Amino acid sequence: MVVLVGWAGVVSAQGLGAEHLVWSDEFNGSSSVPDPANWKFETGGSGWGNHELETYCAPGSGVVPCKAAQPNVVVTDGYLHLVARRDAATGKWTSARITTKGLQSFQYGRMEARIQIPAGPGVWPAFWMLGDNIDQRHWPACGELDIMENIGKEPGKIHGSVHGIGFTGTPLTTVGTLPGDAEFAAGFHTYGMIWSPGRVQYYVDDPGHPYATYTRADLPTGAVWPFDDGRYFFVLNLAMGGDWPGPPAATTPATVEVLVDYVRVYQDEQLSSVKP
C-alpha cells in the first residue's frame, strides 16, 4: 500500500515502514540559477557517444555557440528550465545538462521528479542517475539508472532502463505509457524510481503501480549488477538529435524546454540504514 500524503510519514512502497523526505530541490530559490550546493553544469558538444547535435552551455557562457544573453539553464517562477535553442544563422543547437555529481548522491529509496517534457522530432529529455564511482569504474561498470527518457518521435512513450556490464542498450528497457496513449508533453508528470537492494522499479505518477521491475535475476548471463555497490548522483538534460531519437525536423520548434518542478528523495529507516 502506498499513501501519498505530504512529504513525510509516507508508507514505503516496499512495505518496510514509513518513508521520509531526506533531500529535495524545489527550485523556489531567489537565484536565477540552480542551487550550487546541489547542481553543477556539464558543458561541451562532443556528441556524448550518441552523435547528439547540441552543445551544453553553462549560464553566462559566451563560448560559441553559447550566448551569455540567452542562458540555457534558468530557475524562475518555481521551475527549473532546461532550454534547447537552434541558432537561426548557423543552425546549431545549444542546450543544458546539470548534475549533482560530487554534491548530492544516494543509495536506495524513492527518487522522483515532477517534469513537463517538450515535444518534437529529435527532442530527447532525460532524468537519470550514474554511480559515484564513474571516475574509477568507467561507464558502464559504474551503472546507469534511466528513470525517464523520451524521444520526440514517440510522444506517447517514455523509457525506464538499467545499464551495466553485459546489459547496455536494450536488454533491460521497458516502455511506460499514459491512459489512452496520451502524449507526455501535454502536461506535468511525476517520474520515479523505487530502489531497494537487488531491485529497481520505475513508475509514472503512481508509485503503487510500477510499470517496470528489474532484479539481479533478470540480468543476462555474465552481466554484473552494480546497483548495490554504492551511491548514485542525478543527471537532468535535454539532448537534441542523436542515434536513437534521430535528427530534429522542420516541424521541431526552434526553442524547446524541459520544466522541472522538483526533484525529491525519500527513504525509510530500514533502507537508509544500509550503508554502501
Protein backbone atom coordinates (compact mmCIF):
# COMPACT_ATOMS: atom_id res chain seq x y z
CA MET A 1 0.00 0.00 0.00
CA VAL A 2 1.24 3.46 -0.89
CA VAL A 3 -0.23 6.56 0.71
CA LEU A 4 1.00 9.87 -0.66
CA VAL A 5 0.27 12.46 2.00
CA GLY A 6 2.73 15.30 2.16
CA TRP A 7 6.47 14.98 2.46
CA ALA A 8 6.88 12.72 5.46
CA GLY A 9 5.28 9.73 7.12
CA VAL A 10 4.58 8.12 3.75
CA VAL A 11 4.13 4.37 3.76
CA SER A 12 7.04 2.81 1.90
CA ALA A 13 6.29 1.23 -1.47
CA GLN A 14 8.45 -1.67 -0.29
CA GLY A 15 6.32 -2.17 2.82
CA LEU A 16 9.31 -1.61 5.11
CA GLY A 17 7.97 1.28 7.14
CA ALA A 18 7.29 5.00 6.95
CA GLU A 19 9.42 6.89 4.46
CA HIS A 20 10.62 10.44 4.91
CA LEU A 21 11.90 13.15 2.63
CA VAL A 22 15.70 13.17 3.00
CA TRP A 23 16.60 15.62 0.23
CA SER A 24 14.89 17.78 -2.37
CA ASP A 25 15.32 20.73 -4.65
CA GLU A 26 12.04 22.59 -5.14
CA PHE A 27 13.58 25.24 -7.44
CA ASN A 28 11.93 28.01 -5.44
CA GLY A 29 15.08 29.99 -4.63
CA SER A 30 15.62 33.65 -5.36
CA SER A 31 18.64 32.97 -7.61
CA SER A 32 18.10 32.59 -11.35
CA VAL A 33 20.48 29.61 -11.48
CA PRO A 34 20.22 26.19 -9.78
CA ASP A 35 21.48 25.94 -6.19
CA PRO A 36 25.27 25.41 -6.41
CA ALA A 37 25.08 23.20 -3.32
CA ASN A 38 23.04 20.76 -5.39
CA TRP A 39 23.89 21.19 -9.06
CA LYS A 40 26.77 21.89 -11.40
CA PHE A 41 26.88 22.18 -15.16
CA GLU A 42 28.32 19.84 -17.74
CA THR A 43 29.39 21.58 -20.92
CA GLY A 44 30.65 20.75 -24.37
CA GLY A 45 29.48 19.41 -27.69
CA SER A 46 31.25 16.10 -28.18
CA GLY A 47 28.11 14.19 -29.13
CA TRP A 48 28.40 12.20 -25.88
CA GLY A 49 28.86 8.93 -27.74
CA ASN A 50 25.40 9.20 -29.28
CA HIS A 51 26.10 11.70 -32.10
CA GLU A 52 23.94 14.32 -30.39
CA LEU A 53 23.79 17.74 -32.04
CA GLU A 54 23.68 20.13 -29.10
CA THR A 55 26.40 21.97 -27.22
CA TYR A 56 25.69 22.07 -23.50
CA CYS A 57 26.15 25.57 -22.10
CA ALA A 58 26.63 26.88 -18.56
CA PRO A 59 24.86 30.09 -17.52
CA GLY A 60 26.82 33.17 -18.55
CA SER A 61 28.94 31.31 -21.07
CA GLY A 62 29.74 33.22 -24.22
CA VAL A 63 31.85 30.46 -25.76
CA VAL A 64 30.47 29.95 -29.28
CA PRO A 65 27.81 28.71 -29.91
CA CYS A 66 26.66 29.57 -26.34
CA LYS A 67 25.28 33.06 -25.77
CA ALA A 68 25.52 34.68 -22.33
CA ALA A 69 22.41 36.74 -23.06
CA GLN A 70 20.38 33.59 -23.76
CA PRO A 71 21.01 31.17 -20.88
CA ASN A 72 20.06 27.54 -21.39
CA VAL A 73 19.55 26.96 -17.63
CA VAL A 74 17.21 29.23 -15.69
CA VAL A 75 15.36 28.95 -12.37
CA THR A 76 12.28 31.16 -12.35
CA ASP A 77 8.59 31.02 -11.36
CA GLY A 78 9.28 27.95 -9.20
CA TYR A 79 10.66 25.82 -12.03
CA LEU A 80 13.98 24.74 -13.41
CA HIS A 81 14.08 25.45 -17.15
CA LEU A 82 16.43 23.46 -19.40
CA VAL A 83 16.22 25.20 -22.77
CA ALA A 84 17.39 23.99 -26.16
CA ARG A 85 17.71 26.55 -28.98
CA ARG A 86 18.55 26.37 -32.65
CA ASP A 87 20.56 29.36 -33.83
CA ALA A 88 18.85 30.89 -36.84
CA ALA A 89 22.11 31.88 -38.54
CA THR A 90 24.14 28.69 -38.07
CA GLY A 91 21.50 26.03 -37.39
CA LYS A 92 23.50 24.88 -34.37
CA TRP A 93 21.74 23.74 -31.21
CA THR A 94 22.60 24.72 -27.64
CA SER A 95 21.08 23.09 -24.56
CA ALA A 96 21.75 22.24 -20.92
CA ARG A 97 22.85 19.32 -18.76
CA ILE A 98 23.09 19.56 -14.97
CA THR A 99 24.28 17.01 -12.43
CA THR A 100 24.60 16.52 -8.68
CA LYS A 101 27.92 14.68 -9.09
CA GLY A 102 30.22 15.40 -6.14
CA LEU A 103 27.45 17.29 -4.35
CA GLN A 104 24.46 15.05 -3.67
CA SER A 105 24.23 11.29 -4.09
CA PHE A 106 22.11 8.49 -2.68
CA GLN A 107 21.70 4.75 -2.37
CA TYR A 108 18.22 3.22 -2.13
CA GLY A 109 14.89 4.89 -1.55
CA ARG A 110 12.28 6.50 -3.77
CA MET A 111 13.54 9.15 -6.16
CA GLU A 112 11.16 11.22 -8.23
CA ALA A 113 10.87 14.42 -10.22
CA ARG A 114 7.83 16.29 -11.47
CA ILE A 115 8.62 17.26 -15.05
CA GLN A 116 6.99 18.58 -18.19
CA ILE A 117 8.89 17.43 -21.24
CA PRO A 118 8.83 19.10 -24.67
CA ALA A 119 7.57 17.69 -27.95
CA GLY A 120 9.10 17.49 -31.41
CA PRO A 121 11.17 15.17 -33.59
CA GLY A 122 14.76 14.90 -32.38
CA VAL A 123 13.94 16.01 -28.83
CA TRP A 124 15.50 13.78 -26.12
CA PRO A 125 14.87 14.76 -22.46
CA ALA A 126 16.12 12.53 -19.64
CA PHE A 127 16.14 12.18 -15.84
CA TRP A 128 18.74 9.61 -14.75
CA MET A 129 21.49 8.58 -12.33
CA LEU A 130 25.09 7.38 -12.55
CA GLY A 131 27.34 5.73 -9.99
CA ASP A 132 29.54 7.95 -7.83
CA ASN A 133 32.49 5.75 -8.81
CA ILE A 134 32.27 6.64 -12.51
CA ASP A 135 35.77 8.18 -12.50
CA GLN A 136 37.24 4.93 -11.14
CA ARG A 137 34.86 2.41 -12.75
CA HIS A 138 34.07 3.94 -16.11
CA TRP A 139 30.71 3.53 -17.77
CA PRO A 140 29.03 1.05 -17.95
CA ALA A 141 30.78 -0.54 -14.93
CA CYS A 142 29.56 2.31 -12.69
CA GLY A 143 25.94 1.54 -13.59
CA GLU A 144 23.23 3.75 -15.06
CA LEU A 145 19.64 4.17 -13.87
CA ASP A 146 17.42 5.82 -16.50
CA ILE A 147 14.32 6.92 -14.61
CA MET A 148 12.82 8.68 -17.63
CA GLU A 149 13.82 9.09 -21.26
CA ASN A 150 11.61 10.22 -24.09
CA ILE A 151 12.35 10.61 -27.77
CA GLY A 152 10.21 13.05 -29.68
CA LYS A 153 9.17 10.63 -32.41
CA GLU A 154 7.41 8.58 -29.68
CA PRO A 155 5.32 11.23 -27.89
CA GLY A 156 3.19 8.67 -26.03
CA LYS A 157 6.08 6.63 -24.62
CA ILE A 158 8.76 7.01 -22.00
CA HIS A 159 11.53 4.50 -21.32
CA GLY A 160 12.83 3.23 -17.98
CA SER A 161 16.11 1.34 -18.25
CA VAL A 162 19.09 0.00 -16.34
CA HIS A 163 22.58 -0.38 -17.80
CA GLY A 164 25.77 -2.04 -16.64
CA ILE A 165 28.43 -4.51 -17.74
CA GLY A 166 26.74 -7.02 -20.02
CA PHE A 167 23.42 -5.17 -20.29
CA THR A 168 23.87 -1.92 -22.19
CA GLY A 169 21.45 -0.92 -24.91
CA THR A 170 18.03 -2.58 -24.92
CA PRO A 171 18.17 -5.79 -22.83
CA LEU A 172 16.61 -4.17 -19.74
CA THR A 173 14.40 -1.38 -21.08
CA THR A 174 10.65 -1.02 -20.56
CA VAL A 175 8.17 1.37 -22.17
CA GLY A 176 5.75 3.34 -20.00
CA THR A 177 2.54 4.85 -21.39
CA LEU A 178 -0.35 7.01 -20.22
CA PRO A 179 -4.05 6.12 -20.27
CA GLY A 180 -5.45 6.49 -23.74
CA ASP A 181 -1.90 6.76 -25.12
CA ALA A 182 -1.88 10.45 -24.22
CA GLU A 183 1.25 12.42 -25.07
CA PHE A 184 3.62 13.04 -22.17
CA ALA A 185 4.43 16.57 -23.32
CA ALA A 186 0.81 17.64 -22.78
CA GLY A 187 1.39 18.22 -19.05
CA PHE A 188 3.44 17.61 -15.95
CA HIS A 189 4.04 14.04 -14.78
CA THR A 190 5.91 12.53 -11.86
CA TYR A 191 8.68 10.17 -12.98
CA GLY A 192 10.05 8.00 -10.22
CA MET A 193 12.18 5.06 -9.14
CA ILE A 194 11.79 2.73 -6.15
CA TRP A 195 15.25 1.33 -5.43
CA SER A 196 15.99 -1.34 -2.84
CA PRO A 197 18.74 -3.98 -2.50
CA GLY A 198 18.65 -6.19 -5.58
CA ARG A 199 15.68 -4.44 -7.17
CA VAL A 200 14.85 -1.33 -9.22
CA GLN A 201 11.31 -0.26 -10.15
CA TYR A 202 10.04 2.64 -12.25
CA TYR A 203 6.69 4.42 -12.17
CA VAL A 204 4.80 7.33 -13.69
CA ASP A 205 2.59 9.38 -11.34
CA ASP A 206 1.68 6.45 -9.05
CA PRO A 207 4.43 4.64 -7.11
CA GLY A 208 1.89 1.99 -6.16
CA HIS A 209 1.82 0.75 -9.75
CA PRO A 210 5.35 0.48 -11.22
CA TYR A 211 5.45 -0.26 -14.92
CA ALA A 212 8.94 -1.83 -14.78
CA THR A 213 10.73 -4.05 -12.27
CA TYR A 214 14.33 -5.23 -12.63
CA THR A 215 16.23 -7.61 -10.34
CA ARG A 216 19.56 -9.42 -10.36
CA ALA A 217 17.75 -12.46 -11.76
CA ASP A 218 16.84 -10.50 -14.90
CA LEU A 219 20.46 -9.97 -15.95
CA PRO A 220 21.83 -11.76 -18.99
CA THR A 221 24.43 -14.45 -18.37
CA GLY A 222 27.78 -12.91 -17.41
CA ALA A 223 26.33 -9.47 -16.61
CA VAL A 224 27.23 -7.64 -13.39
CA TRP A 225 24.61 -5.92 -11.18
CA PRO A 226 26.22 -2.66 -9.95
CA PHE A 227 23.31 -1.07 -8.10
CA ASP A 228 24.18 -2.32 -4.62
CA ASP A 229 27.80 -1.16 -4.78
CA GLY A 230 27.43 2.47 -3.71
CA ARG A 231 25.76 5.82 -4.15
CA TYR A 232 24.43 7.42 -7.34
CA PHE A 233 24.05 11.04 -8.47
CA PHE A 234 21.35 12.69 -10.59
CA VAL A 235 21.55 13.98 -14.16
CA LEU A 236 18.92 16.15 -15.87
CA ASN A 237 19.43 17.04 -19.52
CA LEU A 238 17.80 17.91 -22.80
CA ALA A 239 19.61 16.44 -25.79
CA MET A 240 18.83 17.16 -29.43
CA GLY A 241 19.23 14.56 -32.14
CA GLY A 242 21.45 11.52 -31.88
CA ASP A 243 21.39 7.93 -33.00
CA TRP A 244 18.28 6.94 -31.07
CA PRO A 245 15.88 9.90 -31.46
CA GLY A 246 17.07 10.85 -34.93
CA PRO A 247 17.54 14.46 -36.09
CA PRO A 248 15.19 17.36 -35.48
CA ALA A 249 12.77 18.04 -38.32
CA ALA A 250 11.39 21.18 -39.92
CA THR A 251 8.44 20.87 -37.54
CA THR A 252 10.63 20.84 -34.43
CA PRO A 253 10.31 24.22 -32.66
CA ALA A 254 13.47 26.34 -32.68
CA THR A 255 13.18 26.64 -28.88
CA VAL A 256 12.08 23.77 -26.65
CA GLU A 257 12.39 23.35 -22.90
CA VAL A 258 12.11 20.92 -20.03
CA LEU A 259 10.33 22.26 -16.93
CA VAL A 260 11.22 20.64 -13.60
CA ASP A 261 9.01 21.42 -10.61
CA TYR A 262 11.07 19.45 -8.09
CA VAL A 263 13.44 16.54 -7.51
CA ARG A 264 12.91 14.59 -4.26
CA VAL A 265 14.43 11.61 -2.46
CA TYR A 266 12.51 9.64 0.15
CA GLN A 267 13.92 6.88 2.32
CA ASP A 268 12.62 4.74 5.16
CA GLU A 269 14.68 3.94 8.23
CA GLN A 270 15.47 0.39 7.19
CA LEU A 271 16.79 1.29 3.75
CA SER A 272 18.60 4.43 4.89
CA SER A 273 20.49 2.33 7.45
CA VAL A 274 22.01 0.23 4.65
CA LYS A 275 25.45 1.72 4.03
CA PRO A 276 27.25 1.41 0.67
